[in-house]
Amino acid sequence: MNLTISGHHLEVTPAIREYVQTKLERVKRHFDQVIDIAVILTVDNLKEKEKRQKAEINLRMSGKTVYVESLSQDLYAAIDTLVDKLDRQVMKYKTKVQEHGHEAIKHLPDSYEAAAV
């Protein structure tokens, strides 16, 4: 699995890099067929002089690409909500893949199932 962490208008410090890596361990623990992950951390200056922290992720798995973004006042809070959203998406995809083979048997007529047994 390839992990790329980049920053726009922000220097990615080793502390931020380590924080992102430890948070992404949860996603890898739930689903191990991840090909690569690209994380982009951004600091935007808005007109109201309010700094907006943005974290986005592009995760490629076998069969699907997931894009998630999160905005917050604090970069670490944005990373936390980003990983929560990503984890929900990955778990949803995992259950869909696991249940795919079992759906066809449920929809067969009863007489067809009795003949197979």
Protein backbone atom coordinates (compact mmCIF):
# COMPACT_ATOMS: atom_id res chain seq x y z
CA MET A 1 0.00 0.00 0.00
CA ASN A 2 1.33 3.41 -1.00
CA LEU A 3 0.61 6.36 1.27
CA THR A 4 1.14 9.93 0.03
CA ILE A 5 0.64 12.86 2.39
CA SER A 6 0.96 16.34 0.94
CA GLY A 7 0.16 19.83 2.15
CA HIS A 8 -1.11 22.92 0.35
CA HIS A 9 -0.11 26.18 2.05
CA LEU A 10 1.10 23.96 4.88
CA GLU A 11 4.29 22.15 5.77
CA VAL A 12 3.61 18.54 6.71
CA THR A 13 5.54 18.00 9.93
CA PRO A 14 6.57 14.57 11.17
CA ALA A 15 3.99 14.88 13.97
CA ILE A 16 1.15 15.43 11.48
CA ARG A 17 2.45 12.62 9.26
CA GLU A 18 2.57 10.22 12.23
CA TYR A 19 -0.92 11.26 13.35
CA VAL A 20 -2.40 10.56 9.90
CA GLN A 21 -0.62 7.19 9.69
CA THR A 22 -1.90 6.05 13.09
CA LYS A 23 -5.46 7.11 12.22
CA LEU A 24 -5.33 5.24 8.90
CA GLU A 25 -4.34 2.02 10.70
CA ARG A 26 -8.01 1.67 11.67
CA VAL A 27 -9.08 1.66 8.02
CA LYS A 28 -6.37 -0.85 7.09
CA ARG A 29 -7.44 -3.07 9.98
CA HIS A 30 -11.02 -3.21 8.66
CA PHE A 31 -10.19 -3.70 4.99
CA ASP A 32 -6.78 -4.87 3.80
CA GLN A 33 -7.27 -4.64 0.02
CA VAL A 34 -6.19 -0.98 -0.17
CA ILE A 35 -3.98 -0.17 -3.16
CA ASP A 36 -2.96 3.39 -2.38
CA ILE A 37 -3.97 6.41 -0.31
CA ALA A 38 -3.42 10.07 -1.16
CA VAL A 39 -4.00 12.58 1.68
CA ILE A 40 -4.05 16.33 1.01
CA LEU A 41 -4.01 18.75 3.94
CA THR A 42 -4.87 22.38 3.17
CA VAL A 43 -5.03 25.68 5.04
CA ASP A 44 -7.32 28.22 3.35
CA ASN A 45 -7.50 31.92 4.27
CA LEU A 46 -11.06 33.11 3.90
CA LYS A 47 -12.19 36.72 3.49
CA GLU A 48 -13.31 36.87 7.12
CA LYS A 49 -9.67 36.29 8.19
CA GLU A 50 -10.76 32.94 9.55
CA LYS A 51 -8.42 30.07 8.83
CA ARG A 52 -10.17 26.97 7.58
CA GLN A 53 -8.39 23.61 7.86
CA LYS A 54 -9.27 21.10 5.17
CA ALA A 55 -8.31 17.44 4.90
CA GLU A 56 -9.12 15.30 1.86
CA ILE A 57 -8.33 11.73 1.00
CA ASN A 58 -8.43 9.63 -2.14
CA LEU A 59 -8.38 5.91 -1.34
CA ARG A 60 -8.10 3.33 -4.11
CA MET A 61 -9.27 -0.20 -3.31
CA SER A 62 -9.70 -3.20 -5.53
CA GLY A 63 -12.85 -2.30 -7.44
CA LYS A 64 -13.55 1.19 -6.10
CA THR A 65 -12.10 4.65 -5.44
CA VAL A 66 -13.36 6.57 -2.41
CA TYR A 67 -13.02 10.36 -2.04
CA VAL A 68 -13.75 12.03 1.31
CA GLU A 69 -13.14 15.57 2.56
CA SER A 70 -13.54 17.31 5.89
CA LEU A 71 -13.42 20.94 7.05
CA SER A 72 -12.75 22.17 10.57
CA GLN A 73 -11.14 24.94 12.61
CA ASP A 74 -8.41 22.55 13.80
CA LEU A 75 -6.37 20.35 11.48
CA TYR A 76 -6.36 17.41 13.88
CA ALA A 77 -10.16 17.60 14.23
CA ALA A 78 -10.46 17.66 10.43
CA ILE A 79 -8.27 14.54 10.21
CA ASP A 80 -10.40 12.80 12.87
CA THR A 81 -13.69 13.45 11.08
CA LEU A 82 -12.08 12.55 7.76
CA VAL A 83 -11.01 9.13 9.03
CA ASP A 84 -14.45 8.54 10.59
CA LYS A 85 -16.16 9.27 7.27
CA LEU A 86 -13.65 7.14 5.39
CA ASP A 87 -14.07 4.23 7.79
CA ARG A 88 -17.86 4.28 7.28
CA GLN A 89 -17.42 4.27 3.49
CA VAL A 90 -14.92 1.39 3.59
CA MET A 91 -17.12 -0.70 5.91
CA LYS A 92 -20.12 -0.08 3.64
CA TYR A 93 -18.13 -1.25 0.62
CA LYS A 94 -16.80 -4.28 2.51
CA THR A 95 -20.27 -5.47 3.53
CA LYS A 96 -21.51 -4.95 -0.02
CA VAL A 97 -18.68 -7.10 -1.40
CA GLN A 98 -19.15 -9.82 1.21
CA GLU A 99 -22.91 -10.08 0.76
CA HIS A 100 -22.78 -10.05 -3.03
CA GLY A 101 -22.58 -13.84 -3.45
CA HIS A 102 -25.39 -14.61 -1.01
CA GLU A 103 -28.07 -12.41 -2.58
CA ALA A 104 -28.79 -14.70 -5.54
CA ILE A 105 -29.85 -17.69 -3.40
CA LYS A 106 -32.31 -15.60 -1.36
CA HIS A 107 -34.26 -14.51 -4.44
CA LEU A 108 -34.74 -17.94 -5.97
CA PRO A 109 -38.23 -19.48 -5.84
CA ASP A 110 -38.85 -22.02 -3.05
CA SER A 111 -39.38 -24.91 -5.47
CA TYR A 112 -35.98 -24.22 -7.03
CA GLU A 113 -34.23 -24.42 -3.65
CA ALA A 114 -35.99 -27.71 -2.76
CA ALA A 115 -34.87 -29.28 -6.03
CA ALA A 116 -31.26 -28.31 -5.36
CA VAL A 117 -31.22 -30.00 -1.95
